PDB file of N, CA and C in Angstrom:
ATOM      1  N   UNK A   1      -8.499 155.696  70.366  1.00  0.00           N
ATOM      2  CA  UNK A   1      -7.289 156.374  70.775  1.00  0.00           C
ATOM      3  C   UNK A   1      -6.154 155.358  70.766  1.00  0.00           C
ATOM      4  N   UNK A   2      -5.053 155.666  70.080  1.00  0.00           N
ATOM      5  CA  UNK A   2      -3.931 154.756  69.961  1.00  0.00           C
ATOM      6  C   UNK A   2      -3.034 154.782  71.184  1.00  0.00           C
ATOM      7  N   UNK A   3      -2.096 153.823  71.240  1.00  0.00           N
ATOM      8  CA  UNK A   3      -1.193 153.700  72.379  1.00  0.00           C
ATOM      9  C   UNK A   3      -0.355 154.967  72.581  1.00  0.00           C
ATOM     10  N   UNK A   4       0.145 155.543  71.481  1.00  0.00           N
ATOM     11  CA  UNK A   4       0.962 156.757  71.610  1.00  0.00           C
ATOM     12  C   UNK A   4       0.140 157.893  72.209  1.00  0.00           C
ATOM     13  N   UNK A   5      -1.117 158.011  71.798  1.00  0.00           N
ATOM     14  CA  UNK A   5      -1.967 159.063  72.350  1.00  0.00           C
ATOM     15  C   UNK A   5      -2.242 158.812  73.829  1.00  0.00           C
ATOM     16  N   UNK A   6      -2.393 157.530  74.209  1.00  0.00           N
ATOM     17  CA  UNK A   6      -2.590 157.203  75.622  1.00  0.00           C
ATOM     18  C   UNK A   6      -1.379 157.650  76.440  1.00  0.00           C
ATOM     19  N   UNK A   7      -0.171 157.397  75.899  1.00  0.00           N
ATOM     20  CA  UNK A   7       1.029 157.787  76.640  1.00  0.00           C
ATOM     21  C   UNK A   7       1.083 159.298  76.834  1.00  0.00           C
ATOM     22  N   UNK A   8       0.681 160.052  75.808  1.00  0.00           N
ATOM     23  CA  UNK A   8       0.665 161.511  75.942  1.00  0.00           C
ATOM     24  C   UNK A   8      -0.423 161.947  76.918  1.00  0.00           C
ATOM     25  N   UNK A   9      -1.524 161.237  76.928  1.00  0.00           N
ATOM     26  CA  UNK A   9      -2.644 161.587  77.784  1.00  0.00           C
ATOM     27  C   UNK A   9      -2.247 161.545  79.257  1.00  0.00           C
ATOM     28  N   UNK A  10      -1.309 160.687  79.598  1.00  0.00           N
ATOM     29  CA  UNK A  10      -0.952 160.522  81.001  1.00  0.00           C
ATOM     30  C   UNK A  10       0.278 161.325  81.408  1.00  0.00           C
ATOM     31  N   UNK A  11       0.666 162.316  80.615  1.00  0.00           N
ATOM     32  CA  UNK A  11       1.780 163.183  81.000  1.00  0.00           C
ATOM     33  C   UNK A  11       1.315 164.107  82.122  1.00  0.00           C
ATOM     34  N   UNK A  12       1.240 163.570  83.280  1.00  0.00           N
ATOM     35  CA  UNK A  12       0.778 164.332  84.437  1.00  0.00           C
ATOM     36  C   UNK A  12       2.012 164.679  85.255  1.00  0.00           C
ATOM     37  N   UNK A  13       2.329 165.946  85.327  1.00  0.00           N
ATOM     38  CA  UNK A  13       3.538 166.388  86.010  1.00  0.00           C
ATOM     39  C   UNK A  13       3.344 166.395  87.523  1.00  0.00           C
ATOM     40  N   UNK A  14       4.316 165.805  88.229  1.00  0.00           N
ATOM     41  CA  UNK A  14       4.361 165.934  89.675  1.00  0.00           C
ATOM     42  C   UNK A  14       3.434 165.037  90.469  1.00  0.00           C
ATOM     43  N   UNK A  15       2.662 164.156  89.845  1.00  0.00           N
ATOM     44  CA  UNK A  15       1.778 163.286  90.620  1.00  0.00           C
ATOM     45  C   UNK A  15       2.575 162.110  91.169  1.00  0.00           C
ATOM     46  N   UNK A  16       2.409 161.839  92.423  1.00  0.00           N
ATOM     47  CA  UNK A  16       3.095 160.714  93.071  1.00  0.00           C
ATOM     48  C   UNK A  16       2.077 159.953  93.905  1.00  0.00           C
ATOM     49  N   UNK A  17       2.286 158.649  94.002  1.00  0.00           N
ATOM     50  CA  UNK A  17       1.407 157.813  94.809  1.00  0.00           C
ATOM     51  C   UNK A  17       2.280 156.846  95.588  1.00  0.00           C
ATOM     52  N   UNK A  18       2.253 156.924  96.892  1.00  0.00           N
ATOM     53  CA  UNK A  18       3.032 156.016  97.714  1.00  0.00           C
ATOM     54  C   UNK A  18       4.515 156.044  97.418  1.00  0.00           C
ATOM     55  N   UNK A  19       5.037 157.197  97.046  1.00  0.00           N
ATOM     56  CA  UNK A  19       6.462 157.334  96.767  1.00  0.00           C
ATOM     57  C   UNK A  19       6.855 156.954  95.351  1.00  0.00           C
ATOM     58  N   UNK A  20       5.980 156.296  94.602  1.00  0.00           N
ATOM     59  CA  UNK A  20       6.304 155.914  93.228  1.00  0.00           C
ATOM     60  C   UNK A  20       5.445 156.700  92.262  1.00  0.00           C
ATOM     61  N   UNK A  21       5.856 156.791  91.021  1.00  0.00           N
ATOM     62  CA  UNK A  21       5.080 157.587  90.076  1.00  0.00           C
ATOM     63  C   UNK A  21       3.728 156.948  89.753  1.00  0.00           C
ATOM     64  N   UNK A  22       2.705 157.733  89.864  1.00  0.00           N
ATOM     65  CA  UNK A  22       1.360 157.294  89.504  1.00  0.00           C
ATOM     66  C   UNK A  22       1.285 157.020  88.011  1.00  0.00           C
ATOM     67  N   UNK A  23       2.090 157.725  87.239  1.00  0.00           N
ATOM     68  CA  UNK A  23       2.066 157.595  85.782  1.00  0.00           C
ATOM     69  C   UNK A  23       2.289 156.158  85.341  1.00  0.00           C
ATOM     70  N   UNK A  24       3.234 155.448  85.959  1.00  0.00           N
ATOM     71  CA  UNK A  24       3.520 154.075  85.581  1.00  0.00           C
ATOM     72  C   UNK A  24       2.301 153.193  85.769  1.00  0.00           C
ATOM     73  N   UNK A  25       1.623 153.338  86.896  1.00  0.00           N
ATOM     74  CA  UNK A  25       0.422 152.557  87.161  1.00  0.00           C
ATOM     75  C   UNK A  25      -0.668 152.903  86.150  1.00  0.00           C
ATOM     76  N   UNK A  26      -0.807 154.180  85.843  1.00  0.00           N
ATOM     77  CA  UNK A  26      -1.835 154.629  84.908  1.00  0.00           C
ATOM     78  C   UNK A  26      -1.533 154.125  83.498  1.00  0.00           C
ATOM     79  N   UNK A  27      -0.250 154.211  83.072  1.00  0.00           N
ATOM     80  CA  UNK A  27       0.153 153.698  81.759  1.00  0.00           C
ATOM     81  C   UNK A  27      -0.189 152.219  81.634  1.00  0.00           C
ATOM     82  N   UNK A  28       0.126 151.454  82.672  1.00  0.00           N
ATOM     83  CA  UNK A  28      -0.147 150.017  82.645  1.00  0.00           C
ATOM     84  C   UNK A  28      -1.645 149.760  82.533  1.00  0.00           C
ATOM     85  N   UNK A  29      -2.440 150.488  83.291  1.00  0.00           N
ATOM     86  CA  UNK A  29      -3.892 150.333  83.224  1.00  0.00           C
ATOM     87  C   UNK A  29      -4.435 150.664  81.847  1.00  0.00           C
ATOM     88  N   UNK A  30      -3.940 151.742  81.252  1.00  0.00           N
ATOM     89  CA  UNK A  30      -4.399 152.112  79.912  1.00  0.00           C
ATOM     90  C   UNK A  30      -4.004 151.067  78.883  1.00  0.00           C
ATOM     91  N   UNK A  31      -2.828 150.487  79.039  1.00  0.00           N
ATOM     92  CA  UNK A  31      -2.393 149.450  78.114  1.00  0.00           C
ATOM     93  C   UNK A  31      -3.311 148.241  78.206  1.00  0.00           C
ATOM     94  N   UNK A  32      -3.653 147.840  79.425  1.00  0.00           N
ATOM     95  CA  UNK A  32      -4.570 146.711  79.609  1.00  0.00           C
ATOM     96  C   UNK A  32      -5.938 147.021  79.012  1.00  0.00           C
ATOM     97  N   UNK A  33      -6.476 148.209  79.322  1.00  0.00           N
ATOM     98  CA  UNK A  33      -7.803 148.562  78.830  1.00  0.00           C
ATOM     99  C   UNK A  33      -7.808 148.705  77.316  1.00  0.00           C
ATOM    100  N   UNK A  34      -6.715 149.216  76.752  1.00  0.00           N
ATOM    101  CA  UNK A  34      -6.624 149.326  75.298  1.00  0.00           C
ATOM    102  C   UNK A  34      -6.634 147.959  74.643  1.00  0.00           C
ATOM    103  N   UNK A  35      -5.946 147.006  75.271  1.00  0.00           N
ATOM    104  CA  UNK A  35      -5.937 145.644  74.742  1.00  0.00           C
ATOM    105  C   UNK A  35      -7.331 145.043  74.817  1.00  0.00           C
ATOM    106  N   UNK A  36      -8.011 145.219  75.925  1.00  0.00           N
ATOM    107  CA  UNK A  36      -9.379 144.701  76.056  1.00  0.00           C
ATOM    108  C   UNK A  36     -10.300 145.398  75.060  1.00  0.00           C
ATOM    109  N   UNK A  37     -10.054 146.672  74.815  1.00  0.00           N
ATOM    110  CA  UNK A  37     -10.923 147.450  73.934  1.00  0.00           C
ATOM    111  C   UNK A  37     -10.938 146.961  72.492  1.00  0.00           C
ATOM    112  N   UNK A  38      -9.829 146.413  71.994  1.00  0.00           N
ATOM    113  CA  UNK A  38      -9.809 145.960  70.604  1.00  0.00           C
ATOM    114  C   UNK A  38     -10.607 144.680  70.404  1.00  0.00           C
ATOM    115  N   UNK A  39     -11.016 144.035  71.485  1.00  0.00           N
ATOM    116  CA  UNK A  39     -11.782 142.795  71.387  1.00  0.00           C
ATOM    117  C   UNK A  39     -13.285 143.036  71.402  1.00  0.00           C
ATOM    118  N   UNK A  40     -13.703 144.282  71.426  1.00  0.00           N
ATOM    119  CA  UNK A  40     -15.107 144.612  71.626  1.00  0.00           C
ATOM    120  C   UNK A  40     -16.086 144.073  70.613  1.00  0.00           C
ATOM    121  N   UNK A  41     -15.720 143.941  69.352  1.00  0.00           N
ATOM    122  CA  UNK A  41     -16.718 143.591  68.350  1.00  0.00           C
ATOM    123  C   UNK A  41     -16.810 142.102  68.040  1.00  0.00           C
ATOM    124  N   UNK A  42     -15.698 141.367  68.170  1.00  0.00           N
ATOM    125  CA  UNK A  42     -15.718 139.931  67.857  1.00  0.00           C
ATOM    126  C   UNK A  42     -14.423 139.290  68.349  1.00  0.00           C
ATOM    127  N   UNK A  43     -14.386 137.959  68.460  1.00  0.00           N
ATOM    128  CA  UNK A  43     -13.135 137.289  68.841  1.00  0.00           C
ATOM    129  C   UNK A  43     -12.053 137.567  67.802  1.00  0.00           C
ATOM    130  N   UNK A  44     -10.798 137.614  68.275  1.00  0.00           N
ATOM    131  CA  UNK A  44      -9.673 137.907  67.378  1.00  0.00           C
ATOM    132  C   UNK A  44      -8.505 136.984  67.682  1.00  0.00           C
ATOM    133  N   UNK A  45      -7.735 136.707  66.645  1.00  0.00           N
ATOM    134  CA  UNK A  45      -6.493 135.969  66.796  1.00  0.00           C
ATOM    135  C   UNK A  45      -5.414 136.909  67.324  1.00  0.00           C
ATOM    136  N   UNK A  46      -4.365 136.337  67.924  1.00  0.00           N
ATOM    137  CA  UNK A  46      -3.291 137.147  68.488  1.00  0.00           C
ATOM    138  C   UNK A  46      -2.708 138.097  67.444  1.00  0.00           C
ATOM    139  N   UNK A  47      -2.475 137.610  66.225  1.00  0.00           N
ATOM    140  CA  UNK A  47      -1.899 138.454  65.167  1.00  0.00           C
ATOM    141  C   UNK A  47      -2.773 139.655  64.840  1.00  0.00           C
ATOM    142  N   UNK A  48      -4.098 139.458  64.849  1.00  0.00           N
ATOM    143  CA  UNK A  48      -5.015 140.578  64.599  1.00  0.00           C
ATOM    144  C   UNK A  48      -4.909 141.621  65.711  1.00  0.00           C
ATOM    145  N   UNK A  49      -4.866 141.141  66.946  1.00  0.00           N
ATOM    146  CA  UNK A  49      -4.767 142.046  68.094  1.00  0.00           C
ATOM    147  C   UNK A  49      -3.449 142.815  68.022  1.00  0.00           C
ATOM    148  N   UNK A  50      -2.364 142.112  67.677  1.00  0.00           N
ATOM    149  CA  UNK A  50      -1.045 142.765  67.582  1.00  0.00           C
ATOM    150  C   UNK A  50      -1.064 143.880  66.545  1.00  0.00           C
ATOM    151  N   UNK A  51      -1.707 143.652  65.401  1.00  0.00           N
ATOM    152  CA  UNK A  51      -1.782 144.693  64.369  1.00  0.00           C
ATOM    153  C   UNK A  51      -2.605 145.893  64.836  1.00  0.00           C
ATOM    154  N   UNK A  52      -3.644 145.650  65.642  1.00  0.00           N
ATOM    155  CA  UNK A  52      -4.495 146.737  66.122  1.00  0.00           C
ATOM    156  C   UNK A  52      -3.861 147.510  67.278  1.00  0.00           C
ATOM    157  N   UNK A  53      -2.959 146.888  68.024  1.00  0.00           N
ATOM    158  CA  UNK A  53      -2.321 147.526  69.186  1.00  0.00           C
ATOM    159  C   UNK A  53      -0.945 148.050  68.799  1.00  0.00           C
ATOM    160  N   UNK A  54      -0.899 148.998  67.888  1.00  0.00           N
ATOM    161  CA  UNK A  54       0.375 149.562  67.452  1.00  0.00           C
ATOM    162  C   UNK A  54       1.086 150.199  68.640  1.00  0.00           C
ATOM    163  N   UNK A  55       2.382 150.068  68.658  1.00  0.00           N
ATOM    164  CA  UNK A  55       3.174 150.667  69.729  1.00  0.00           C
ATOM    165  C   UNK A  55       3.303 149.779  70.953  1.00  0.00           C
ATOM    166  N   UNK A  56       2.712 148.576  70.923  1.00  0.00           N
ATOM    167  CA  UNK A  56       2.820 147.646  72.050  1.00  0.00           C
ATOM    168  C   UNK A  56       3.623 146.442  71.564  1.00  0.00           C
ATOM    169  N   UNK A  57       4.676 146.082  72.300  1.00  0.00           N
ATOM    170  CA  UNK A  57       5.495 144.949  71.891  1.00  0.00           C
ATOM    171  C   UNK A  57       4.705 143.650  72.032  1.00  0.00           C
ATOM    172  N   UNK A  58       5.159 142.640  71.306  1.00  0.00           N
ATOM    173  CA  UNK A  58       4.504 141.334  71.368  1.00  0.00           C
ATOM    174  C   UNK A  58       4.538 140.779  72.789  1.00  0.00           C
ATOM    175  N   UNK A  59       5.658 140.965  73.478  1.00  0.00           N
ATOM    176  CA  UNK A  59       5.802 140.478  74.856  1.00  0.00           C
ATOM    177  C   UNK A  59       4.790 141.154  75.786  1.00  0.00           C
ATOM    178  N   UNK A  60       4.690 142.479  75.708  1.00  0.00           N
ATOM    179  CA  UNK A  60       3.756 143.224  76.563  1.00  0.00           C
ATOM    180  C   UNK A  60       2.322 142.840  76.235  1.00  0.00           C
ATOM    181  N   UNK A  61       2.017 142.678  74.958  1.00  0.00           N
ATOM    182  CA  UNK A  61       0.670 142.285  74.559  1.00  0.00           C
ATOM    183  C   UNK A  61       0.319 140.913  75.131  1.00  0.00           C
ATOM    184  N   UNK A  62       1.240 139.950  75.032  1.00  0.00           N
ATOM    185  CA  UNK A  62       0.993 138.610  75.586  1.00  0.00           C
ATOM    186  C   UNK A  62       0.780 138.689  77.097  1.00  0.00           C
ATOM    187  N   UNK A  63       1.580 139.514  77.787  1.00  0.00           N
ATOM    188  CA  UNK A  63       1.409 139.690  79.232  1.00  0.00           C
ATOM    189  C   UNK A  63       0.049 140.303  79.549  1.00  0.00           C
ATOM    190  N   UNK A  64      -0.338 141.327  78.771  1.00  0.00           N
ATOM    191  CA  UNK A  64      -1.645 141.966  78.980  1.00  0.00           C
ATOM    192  C   UNK A  64      -2.777 140.963  78.809  1.00  0.00           C
ATOM    193  N   UNK A  65      -2.705 140.158  77.759  1.00  0.00           N
ATOM    194  CA  UNK A  65      -3.763 139.173  77.502  1.00  0.00           C
ATOM    195  C   UNK A  65      -3.821 138.131  78.615  1.00  0.00           C
ATOM    196  N   UNK A  66      -2.660 137.677  79.094  1.00  0.00           N
ATOM    197  CA  UNK A  66      -2.648 136.715  80.210  1.00  0.00           C
ATOM    198  C   UNK A  66      -3.266 137.331  81.462  1.00  0.00           C
ATOM    199  N   UNK A  67      -2.909 138.589  81.735  1.00  0.00           N
ATOM    200  CA  UNK A  67      -3.451 139.271  82.914  1.00  0.00           C
ATOM    201  C   UNK A  67      -4.969 139.443  82.794  1.00  0.00           C
ATOM    202  N   UNK A  68      -5.422 139.866  81.633  1.00  0.00           N
ATOM    203  CA  UNK A  68      -6.861 140.057  81.423  1.00  0.00           C
ATOM    204  C   UNK A  68      -7.607 138.725  81.497  1.00  0.00           C
ATOM    205  N   UNK A  69      -6.989 137.652  81.019  1.00  0.00           N
ATOM    206  CA  UNK A  69      -7.611 136.330  81.106  1.00  0.00           C
ATOM    207  C   UNK A  69      -7.710 135.879  82.564  1.00  0.00           C
ATOM    208  N   UNK A  70      -6.630 136.063  83.333  1.00  0.00           N
ATOM    209  CA  UNK A  70      -6.652 135.644  84.742  1.00  0.00           C
ATOM    210  C   UNK A  70      -7.608 136.498  85.575  1.00  0.00           C
ATOM    211  N   UNK A  71      -7.904 137.719  85.087  1.00  0.00           N
ATOM    212  CA  UNK A  71      -8.851 138.596  85.789  1.00  0.00           C
ATOM    213  C   UNK A  71     -10.294 138.328  85.382  1.00  0.00           C
ATOM    214  N   UNK A  72     -10.500 137.450  84.401  1.00  0.00           N
ATOM    215  CA  UNK A  72     -11.847 137.125  83.975  1.00  0.00           C
ATOM    216  C   UNK A  72     -12.433 138.088  82.962  1.00  0.00           C
ATOM    217  N   UNK A  73     -11.605 138.979  82.395  1.00  0.00           N
ATOM    218  CA  UNK A  73     -12.081 139.975  81.439  1.00  0.00           C
ATOM    219  C   UNK A  73     -12.034 139.426  80.009  1.00  0.00           C
ATOM    220  N   UNK A  74     -11.062 138.564  79.739  1.00  0.00           N
ATOM    221  CA  UNK A  74     -10.859 138.004  78.405  1.00  0.00           C
ATOM    222  C   UNK A  74     -10.942 136.485  78.487  1.00  0.00           C
ATOM    223  N   UNK A  75     -11.543 135.884  77.456  1.00  0.00           N
ATOM    224  CA  UNK A  75     -11.598 134.433  77.325  1.00  0.00           C
ATOM    225  C   UNK A  75     -10.647 134.017  76.217  1.00  0.00           C
ATOM    226  N   UNK A  76      -9.839 133.006  76.474  1.00  0.00           N
ATOM    227  CA  UNK A  76      -8.897 132.477  75.480  1.00  0.00           C
ATOM    228  C   UNK A  76      -9.393 131.116  75.027  1.00  0.00           C
ATOM    229  N   UNK A  77      -9.687 131.000  73.753  1.00  0.00           N
ATOM    230  CA  UNK A  77     -10.177 129.749  73.160  1.00  0.00           C
ATOM    231  C   UNK A  77      -9.017 129.068  72.446  1.00  0.00           C
ATOM    232  N   UNK A  78      -8.734 127.831  72.829  1.00  0.00           N
ATOM    233  CA  UNK A  78      -7.624 127.083  72.247  1.00  0.00           C
ATOM    234  C   UNK A  78      -8.195 126.035  71.280  1.00  0.00           C
ATOM    235  N   UNK A  79      -7.342 125.372  70.493  1.00  0.00           N
ATOM    236  CA  UNK A  79      -7.595 124.593  69.283  1.00  0.00           C
ATOM    237  C   UNK A  79      -8.991 124.746  68.701  1.00  0.00           C
ATOM    238  N   UNK A  80      -9.110 124.786  67.417  1.00  0.00           N
ATOM    239  CA  UNK A  80      -8.011 124.592  66.474  1.00  0.00           C
ATOM    240  C   UNK A  80      -7.082 125.795  66.352  1.00  0.00           C
ATOM    241  N   UNK A  81      -7.479 126.958  66.796  1.00  0.00           N
ATOM    242  CA  UNK A  81      -6.592 128.120  66.797  1.00  0.00           C
ATOM    243  C   UNK A  81      -6.898 128.945  68.036  1.00  0.00           C
ATOM    244  N   UNK A  82      -5.913 129.707  68.485  1.00  0.00           N
ATOM    245  CA  UNK A  82      -6.086 130.499  69.709  1.00  0.00           C
ATOM    246  C   UNK A  82      -6.799 131.792  69.355  1.00  0.00           C
ATOM    247  N   UNK A  83      -7.976 131.993  69.940  1.00  0.00           N
ATOM    248  CA  UNK A  83      -8.750 133.226  69.760  1.00  0.00           C
ATOM    249  C   UNK A  83      -9.014 133.845  71.118  1.00  0.00           C
ATOM    250  N   UNK A  84      -9.063 135.164  71.145  1.00  0.00           N
ATOM    251  CA  UNK A  84      -9.362 135.896  72.367  1.00  0.00           C
ATOM    252  C   UNK A  84     -10.666 136.657  72.172  1.00  0.00           C
ATOM    253  N   UNK A  85     -11.495 136.673  73.199  1.00  0.00           N
ATOM    254  CA  UNK A  85     -12.747 137.432  73.151  1.00  0.00           C
ATOM    255  C   UNK A  85     -13.060 137.943  74.546  1.00  0.00           C
ATOM    256  N   UNK A  86     -13.944 138.932  74.610  1.00  0.00           N
ATOM    257  CA  UNK A  86     -14.347 139.471  75.903  1.00  0.00           C
ATOM    258  C   UNK A  86     -15.338 138.524  76.573  1.00  0.00           C
ATOM    259  N   UNK A  87     -15.210 138.409  77.873  1.00  0.00           N
ATOM    260  CA  UNK A  87     -16.201 137.694  78.674  1.00  0.00           C
ATOM    261  C   UNK A  87     -17.330 138.682  78.973  1.00  0.00           C
ATOM    262  N   UNK A  88     -18.427 138.239  79.574  1.00  0.00           N
ATOM    263  CA  UNK A  88     -19.452 139.208  79.980  1.00  0.00           C
ATOM    264  C   UNK A  88     -18.878 140.300  80.893  1.00  0.00           C
ATOM    265  N   UNK A  89     -17.941 139.938  81.775  1.00  0.00           N
ATOM    266  CA  UNK A  89     -17.294 140.940  82.628  1.00  0.00           C
ATOM    267  C   UNK A  89     -16.508 141.936  81.784  1.00  0.00           C
ATOM    268  N   UNK A  90     -15.809 141.445  80.771  1.00  0.00           N
ATOM    269  CA  UNK A  90     -15.052 142.325  79.879  1.00  0.00           C
ATOM    270  C   UNK A  90     -15.953 143.245  79.075  1.00  0.00           C
ATOM    271  N   UNK A  91     -17.099 142.730  78.616  1.00  0.00           N
ATOM    272  CA  UNK A  91     -18.056 143.566  77.890  1.00  0.00           C
ATOM    273  C   UNK A  91     -18.583 144.673  78.793  1.00  0.00           C
ATOM    274  N   UNK A  92     -18.842 144.329  80.054  1.00  0.00           N
ATOM    275  CA  UNK A  92     -19.297 145.329  81.026  1.00  0.00           C
ATOM    276  C   UNK A  92     -18.220 146.385  81.254  1.00  0.00           C
ATOM    277  N   UNK A  93     -16.963 145.953  81.363  1.00  0.00           N
ATOM    278  CA  UNK A  93     -15.845 146.886  81.524  1.00  0.00           C
ATOM    279  C   UNK A  93     -15.737 147.797  80.312  1.00  0.00           C
ATOM    280  N   UNK A  94     -15.890 147.246  79.116  1.00  0.00           N
ATOM    281  CA  UNK A  94     -15.825 148.036  77.890  1.00  0.00           C
ATOM    282  C   UNK A  94     -16.875 149.148  77.907  1.00  0.00           C
ATOM    283  N   UNK A  95     -18.095 148.815  78.340  1.00  0.00           N
ATOM    284  CA  UNK A  95     -19.151 149.832  78.438  1.00  0.00           C
ATOM    285  C   UNK A  95     -18.796 150.914  79.461  1.00  0.00           C
ATOM    286  N   UNK A  96     -18.217 150.488  80.573  1.00  0.00           N
ATOM    287  CA  UNK A  96     -17.861 151.441  81.629  1.00  0.00           C
ATOM    288  C   UNK A  96     -16.755 152.397  81.179  1.00  0.00           C
ATOM    289  N   UNK A  97     -15.870 151.948  80.293  1.00  0.00           N
ATOM    290  CA  UNK A  97     -14.744 152.775  79.859  1.00  0.00           C
ATOM    291  C   UNK A  97     -15.091 153.717  78.716  1.00  0.00           C
ATOM    292  N   UNK A  98     -16.216 153.515  78.063  1.00  0.00           N
ATOM    293  CA  UNK A  98     -16.578 154.394  76.940  1.00  0.00           C
ATOM    294  C   UNK A  98     -16.640 155.864  77.329  1.00  0.00           C
ATOM    295  N   UNK A  99     -17.225 156.226  78.483  1.00  0.00           N
ATOM    296  CA  UNK A  99     -17.215 157.654  78.848  1.00  0.00           C
ATOM    297  C   UNK A  99     -15.794 158.211  78.978  1.00  0.00           C
ATOM    298  N   UNK A 100     -14.865 157.422  79.494  1.00  0.00           N
ATOM    299  CA  UNK A 100     -13.478 157.878  79.608  1.00  0.00           C
ATOM    300  C   UNK A 100     -12.873 158.074  78.220  1.00  0.00           C
ATOM    301  N   UNK A 101     -13.164 157.180  77.297  1.00  0.00           N
ATOM    302  CA  UNK A 101     -12.672 157.324  75.928  1.00  0.00           C
ATOM    303  C   UNK A 101     -13.235 158.587  75.283  1.00  0.00           C
ATOM    304  N   UNK A 102     -14.530 158.846  75.478  1.00  0.00           N
ATOM    305  CA  UNK A 102     -15.146 160.049  74.914  1.00  0.00           C
ATOM    306  C   UNK A 102     -14.538 161.310  75.532  1.00  0.00           C
ATOM    307  N   UNK A 103     -14.277 161.267  76.837  1.00  0.00           N
ATOM    308  CA  UNK A 103     -13.633 162.405  77.512  1.00  0.00           C
ATOM    309  C   UNK A 103     -12.264 162.653  76.885  1.00  0.00           C
ATOM    310  N   UNK A 104     -11.483 161.584  76.665  1.00  0.00           N
ATOM    311  CA  UNK A 104     -10.168 161.736  76.043  1.00  0.00           C
ATOM    312  C   UNK A 104     -10.265 162.317  74.644  1.00  0.00           C
ATOM    313  N   UNK A 105     -11.263 161.865  73.875  1.00  0.00           N
ATOM    314  CA  UNK A 105     -11.452 162.401  72.524  1.00  0.00           C
ATOM    315  C   UNK A 105     -11.784 163.896  72.564  1.00  0.00           C
ATOM    316  N   UNK A 106     -12.665 164.288  73.498  1.00  0.00           N
ATOM    317  CA  UNK A 106     -13.061 165.703  73.599  1.00  0.00           C
ATOM    318  C   UNK A 106     -11.910 166.591  74.049  1.00  0.00           C
ATOM    319  N   UNK A 107     -11.007 166.067  74.847  1.00  0.00           N
ATOM    320  CA  UNK A 107      -9.947 166.878  75.454  1.00  0.00           C
ATOM    321  C   UNK A 107      -8.557 166.592  74.884  1.00  0.00           C
ATOM    322  N   UNK A 108      -8.480 165.848  73.811  1.00  0.00           N
ATOM    323  CA  UNK A 108      -7.201 165.427  73.242  1.00  0.00           C
ATOM    324  C   UNK A 108      -6.269 166.608  72.961  1.00  0.00           C
ATOM    325  N   UNK A 109      -6.762 167.651  72.310  1.00  0.00           N
ATOM    326  CA  UNK A 109      -5.865 168.760  71.946  1.00  0.00           C
ATOM    327  C   UNK A 109      -5.295 169.443  73.185  1.00  0.00           C
ATOM    328  N   UNK A 110      -6.105 169.617  74.203  1.00  0.00           N
ATOM    329  CA  UNK A 110      -5.590 170.240  75.443  1.00  0.00           C
ATOM    330  C   UNK A 110      -4.598 169.332  76.145  1.00  0.00           C
ATOM    331  N   UNK A 111      -4.876 168.026  76.142  1.00  0.00           N
ATOM    332  CA  UNK A 111      -4.000 167.082  76.830  1.00  0.00           C
ATOM    333  C   UNK A 111      -2.665 166.903  76.124  1.00  0.00           C
ATOM    334  N   UNK A 112      -2.678 167.000  74.813  1.00  0.00           N
ATOM    335  CA  UNK A 112      -1.465 166.794  74.036  1.00  0.00           C
ATOM    336  C   UNK A 112      -0.669 168.076  73.821  1.00  0.00           C
ATOM    337  N   UNK A 113      -1.208 169.204  74.252  1.00  0.00           N
ATOM    338  CA  UNK A 113      -0.497 170.483  74.106  1.00  0.00           C
ATOM    339  C   UNK A 113       0.750 170.464  74.974  1.00  0.00           C
ATOM    340  N   UNK A 114       1.841 171.031  74.489  1.00  0.00           N
ATOM    341  CA  UNK A 114       3.065 171.084  75.291  1.00  0.00           C
ATOM    342  C   UNK A 114       2.817 171.871  76.574  1.00  0.00           C
ATOM    343  N   UNK A 115       3.420 171.389  77.645  1.00  0.00           N
ATOM    344  CA  UNK A 115       3.289 172.107  78.915  1.00  0.00           C
ATOM    345  C   UNK A 115       4.324 173.222  78.957  1.00  0.00           C
ATOM    346  N   UNK A 116       3.951 174.365  79.511  1.00  0.00           N
ATOM    347  CA  UNK A 116       4.888 175.501  79.544  1.00  0.00           C
ATOM    348  C   UNK A 116       6.057 175.270  80.477  1.00  0.00           C
TER     349      UNK A 116
END
């Protein structure tokens, strides 16, 4: 599921959490998980990740990777080139998110339908 589809998936009308929109928190979480998700099969260079994360700016992608690294989900390997890969914790997270991805795939048409 691409970034644009994720944004449509979270068009939840009227949800509020602690006075602020829940949507913003959910969008941020999906962006982080989407970034972690592209690392599932093998380590990747930043440029490869950027090409796979269409719709995400370079700045946001760098922030996501830093956040995921500080959370222990992503490992950053430096010299001779910077590569990113999932840690065992990140691999476990990837497995946990697969049911959510499958749910989104099954319900995509209903979720993306215009609201009346």
